[in-house]
Amino acid sequence: MQAYEAMIFHITDATTWAESQARGSHTGSTRGIDLAQEGYIHCSSAEQWRGVVERYYADDRDLLLLHVDERLLTSPLVYEQLPGAPEPFPHVYGSINLDAVVDVERLVTPGQ
């Protein structure tokens, strides 16, 4: 039996992440949209984030992948089925507290 790793992933850009660090919490939901506009923060599982990058961020050269320990989140986390998606995606209904972000990885997109 494999142990469950309570990790979700969030894609953001370096500018938004720097602003989040200065503010003390992350509120970027998705590309150019924040939590106040969307109502939640888009996240992905380990199996989903690469496909999200390919579909929605392939032309972006300034991406970071936040590794978020879902056990440390102070905002509610809900897995929701999106139309046409083969499995549910994790959504954070509130800001992501910085101490829940356990790693930040710079992503290299095709063409970089």
C-alpha atoms as a PDB file:
ATOM      1  CA  MET A   1       0.000   0.000   0.000  1.00  0.00           C
ATOM      2  CA  GLN A   2       1.332   3.450  -0.967  1.00  0.00           C
ATOM      3  CA  ALA A   3       1.211   6.294   1.557  1.00  0.00           C
ATOM      4  CA  TYR A   4      -1.028   9.230   0.654  1.00  0.00           C
ATOM      5  CA  GLU A   5       0.893  12.428   0.013  1.00  0.00           C
ATOM      6  CA  ALA A   6      -1.347  15.399   0.796  1.00  0.00           C
ATOM      7  CA  MET A   7       0.169  17.664  -1.846  1.00  0.00           C
ATOM      8  CA  ILE A   8      -1.594  19.859  -4.371  1.00  0.00           C
ATOM      9  CA  PHE A   9       0.017  22.184  -6.899  1.00  0.00           C
ATOM     10  CA  HIS A  10      -0.689  25.731  -8.013  1.00  0.00           C
ATOM     11  CA  ILE A  11       0.737  27.467 -11.078  1.00  0.00           C
ATOM     12  CA  THR A  12       1.555  31.154 -10.811  1.00  0.00           C
ATOM     13  CA  ASP A  13       4.043  33.693 -12.118  1.00  0.00           C
ATOM     14  CA  ALA A  14       7.026  35.181 -10.302  1.00  0.00           C
ATOM     15  CA  THR A  15       5.498  38.666 -10.007  1.00  0.00           C
ATOM     16  CA  THR A  16       2.274  37.392  -8.439  1.00  0.00           C
ATOM     17  CA  TRP A  17       4.250  35.157  -6.067  1.00  0.00           C
ATOM     18  CA  ALA A  18       6.480  38.060  -4.980  1.00  0.00           C
ATOM     19  CA  GLU A  19       3.361  40.155  -4.284  1.00  0.00           C
ATOM     20  CA  SER A  20       1.881  37.265  -2.294  1.00  0.00           C
ATOM     21  CA  GLN A  21       5.008  36.972  -0.179  1.00  0.00           C
ATOM     22  CA  ALA A  22       4.938  40.706   0.556  1.00  0.00           C
ATOM     23  CA  ARG A  23       1.225  40.525   1.446  1.00  0.00           C
ATOM     24  CA  GLY A  24       1.536  37.362   3.552  1.00  0.00           C
ATOM     25  CA  SER A  25      -0.877  35.133   1.616  1.00  0.00           C
ATOM     26  CA  HIS A  26      -1.447  34.008  -1.968  1.00  0.00           C
ATOM     27  CA  THR A  27      -4.646  35.100  -3.729  1.00  0.00           C
ATOM     28  CA  GLY A  28      -3.805  34.521  -7.406  1.00  0.00           C
ATOM     29  CA  SER A  29      -6.415  32.128  -8.780  1.00  0.00           C
ATOM     30  CA  THR A  30      -5.338  31.532 -12.347  1.00  0.00           C
ATOM     31  CA  ARG A  31      -3.662  33.435 -15.159  1.00  0.00           C
ATOM     32  CA  GLY A  32      -4.549  37.125 -14.701  1.00  0.00           C
ATOM     33  CA  ILE A  33      -7.450  36.387 -12.341  1.00  0.00           C
ATOM     34  CA  ASP A  34      -7.406  36.620  -8.569  1.00  0.00           C
ATOM     35  CA  LEU A  35      -9.410  34.996  -5.794  1.00  0.00           C
ATOM     36  CA  ALA A  36     -11.849  37.923  -5.499  1.00  0.00           C
ATOM     37  CA  GLN A  37     -12.791  37.559  -9.174  1.00  0.00           C
ATOM     38  CA  GLU A  38     -12.930  33.740  -9.404  1.00  0.00           C
ATOM     39  CA  GLY A  39     -14.120  32.787  -5.912  1.00  0.00           C
ATOM     40  CA  TYR A  40     -11.474  30.105  -5.448  1.00  0.00           C
ATOM     41  CA  ILE A  41      -7.859  29.318  -6.346  1.00  0.00           C
ATOM     42  CA  HIS A  42      -7.286  26.755  -9.097  1.00  0.00           C
ATOM     43  CA  CYS A  43      -4.951  23.915  -8.123  1.00  0.00           C
ATOM     44  CA  SER A  44      -3.983  20.543  -9.563  1.00  0.00           C
ATOM     45  CA  SER A  45      -2.900  17.118  -8.428  1.00  0.00           C
ATOM     46  CA  ALA A  46       0.540  15.727  -9.218  1.00  0.00           C
ATOM     47  CA  GLU A  47      -0.968  14.002 -12.254  1.00  0.00           C
ATOM     48  CA  GLN A  48      -2.840  17.098 -13.509  1.00  0.00           C
ATOM     49  CA  TRP A  49      -0.496  20.101 -13.364  1.00  0.00           C
ATOM     50  CA  ARG A  50       1.591  19.249 -16.449  1.00  0.00           C
ATOM     51  CA  GLY A  51      -1.528  19.100 -18.621  1.00  0.00           C
ATOM     52  CA  VAL A  52      -2.703  22.429 -17.209  1.00  0.00           C
ATOM     53  CA  VAL A  53       0.632  24.015 -18.134  1.00  0.00           C
ATOM     54  CA  GLU A  54       0.403  22.593 -21.663  1.00  0.00           C
ATOM     55  CA  ARG A  55      -3.198  23.735 -22.173  1.00  0.00           C
ATOM     56  CA  TYR A  56      -3.207  27.162 -20.533  1.00  0.00           C
ATOM     57  CA  TYR A  57       0.346  28.381 -19.946  1.00  0.00           C
ATOM     58  CA  ALA A  58       2.458  27.077 -22.847  1.00  0.00           C
ATOM     59  CA  ASP A  59       3.317  30.613 -23.999  1.00  0.00           C
ATOM     60  CA  ASP A  60       4.292  31.866 -20.517  1.00  0.00           C
ATOM     61  CA  ARG A  61       8.012  31.929 -19.702  1.00  0.00           C
ATOM     62  CA  ASP A  62       7.752  33.091 -16.078  1.00  0.00           C
ATOM     63  CA  LEU A  63       6.021  30.215 -14.311  1.00  0.00           C
ATOM     64  CA  LEU A  64       6.372  28.849 -10.825  1.00  0.00           C
ATOM     65  CA  LEU A  65       4.851  25.672  -9.433  1.00  0.00           C
ATOM     66  CA  LEU A  66       3.818  26.028  -5.804  1.00  0.00           C
ATOM     67  CA  HIS A  67       3.848  22.764  -3.863  1.00  0.00           C
ATOM     68  CA  VAL A  68       1.054  23.155  -1.320  1.00  0.00           C
ATOM     69  CA  ASP A  69       0.666  20.759   1.604  1.00  0.00           C
ATOM     70  CA  GLU A  70      -3.099  20.490   1.845  1.00  0.00           C
ATOM     71  CA  ARG A  71      -2.872  19.505   5.516  1.00  0.00           C
ATOM     72  CA  LEU A  72      -1.419  22.959   6.288  1.00  0.00           C
ATOM     73  CA  LEU A  73      -4.054  24.999   4.433  1.00  0.00           C
ATOM     74  CA  THR A  74      -6.159  27.321   6.573  1.00  0.00           C
ATOM     75  CA  SER A  75      -8.754  27.827   3.793  1.00  0.00           C
ATOM     76  CA  PRO A  76     -11.208  25.116   2.709  1.00  0.00           C
ATOM     77  CA  LEU A  77     -10.066  22.713  -0.007  1.00  0.00           C
ATOM     78  CA  VAL A  78     -12.718  21.149  -2.247  1.00  0.00           C
ATOM     79  CA  TYR A  79     -12.180  18.633  -5.053  1.00  0.00           C
ATOM     80  CA  GLU A  80     -14.637  19.491  -7.811  1.00  0.00           C
ATOM     81  CA  GLN A  81     -15.522  17.800 -11.063  1.00  0.00           C
ATOM     82  CA  LEU A  82     -15.204  20.181 -14.015  1.00  0.00           C
ATOM     83  CA  PRO A  83     -17.147  19.576 -17.228  1.00  0.00           C
ATOM     84  CA  GLY A  84     -15.093  17.410 -19.578  1.00  0.00           C
ATOM     85  CA  ALA A  85     -12.368  16.661 -17.022  1.00  0.00           C
ATOM     86  CA  PRO A  86     -11.611  12.979 -16.362  1.00  0.00           C
ATOM     87  CA  GLU A  87     -11.172  13.579 -12.613  1.00  0.00           C
ATOM     88  CA  PRO A  88     -11.906  16.279 -10.024  1.00  0.00           C
ATOM     89  CA  PHE A  89      -9.575  19.262  -9.566  1.00  0.00           C
ATOM     90  CA  PRO A  90      -8.650  20.725  -6.167  1.00  0.00           C
ATOM     91  CA  HIS A  91      -9.897  24.265  -5.508  1.00  0.00           C
ATOM     92  CA  VAL A  92      -8.943  26.378  -2.488  1.00  0.00           C
ATOM     93  CA  TYR A  93     -11.843  28.547  -1.304  1.00  0.00           C
ATOM     94  CA  GLY A  94      -9.814  31.334   0.254  1.00  0.00           C
ATOM     95  CA  SER A  95      -6.232  32.485   0.226  1.00  0.00           C
ATOM     96  CA  ILE A  96      -3.304  30.090   0.403  1.00  0.00           C
ATOM     97  CA  ASN A  97      -1.363  30.705   3.596  1.00  0.00           C
ATOM     98  CA  LEU A  98       2.353  30.929   2.861  1.00  0.00           C
ATOM     99  CA  ASP A  99       3.366  28.281   5.392  1.00  0.00           C
ATOM    100  CA  ALA A 100       1.323  25.720   3.411  1.00  0.00           C
ATOM    101  CA  VAL A 101       3.640  26.307   0.415  1.00  0.00           C
ATOM    102  CA  VAL A 102       6.427  23.823   1.137  1.00  0.00           C
ATOM    103  CA  ASP A 103       8.339  24.215  -2.144  1.00  0.00           C
ATOM    104  CA  VAL A 104       8.466  26.595  -5.110  1.00  0.00           C
ATOM    105  CA  GLU A 105       9.730  25.205  -8.398  1.00  0.00           C
ATOM    106  CA  ARG A 106      10.585  27.255 -11.488  1.00  0.00           C
ATOM    107  CA  LEU A 107       8.959  25.666 -14.528  1.00  0.00           C
ATOM    108  CA  VAL A 108      10.583  25.478 -17.922  1.00  0.00           C
ATOM    109  CA  THR A 109       7.987  25.571 -20.674  1.00  0.00           C
ATOM    110  CA  PRO A 110       8.501  24.355 -24.241  1.00  0.00           C
ATOM    111  CA  GLY A 111      10.608  26.759 -26.256  1.00  0.00           C
ATOM    112  CA  GLN A 112      12.586  28.018 -23.270  1.00  0.00           C
END
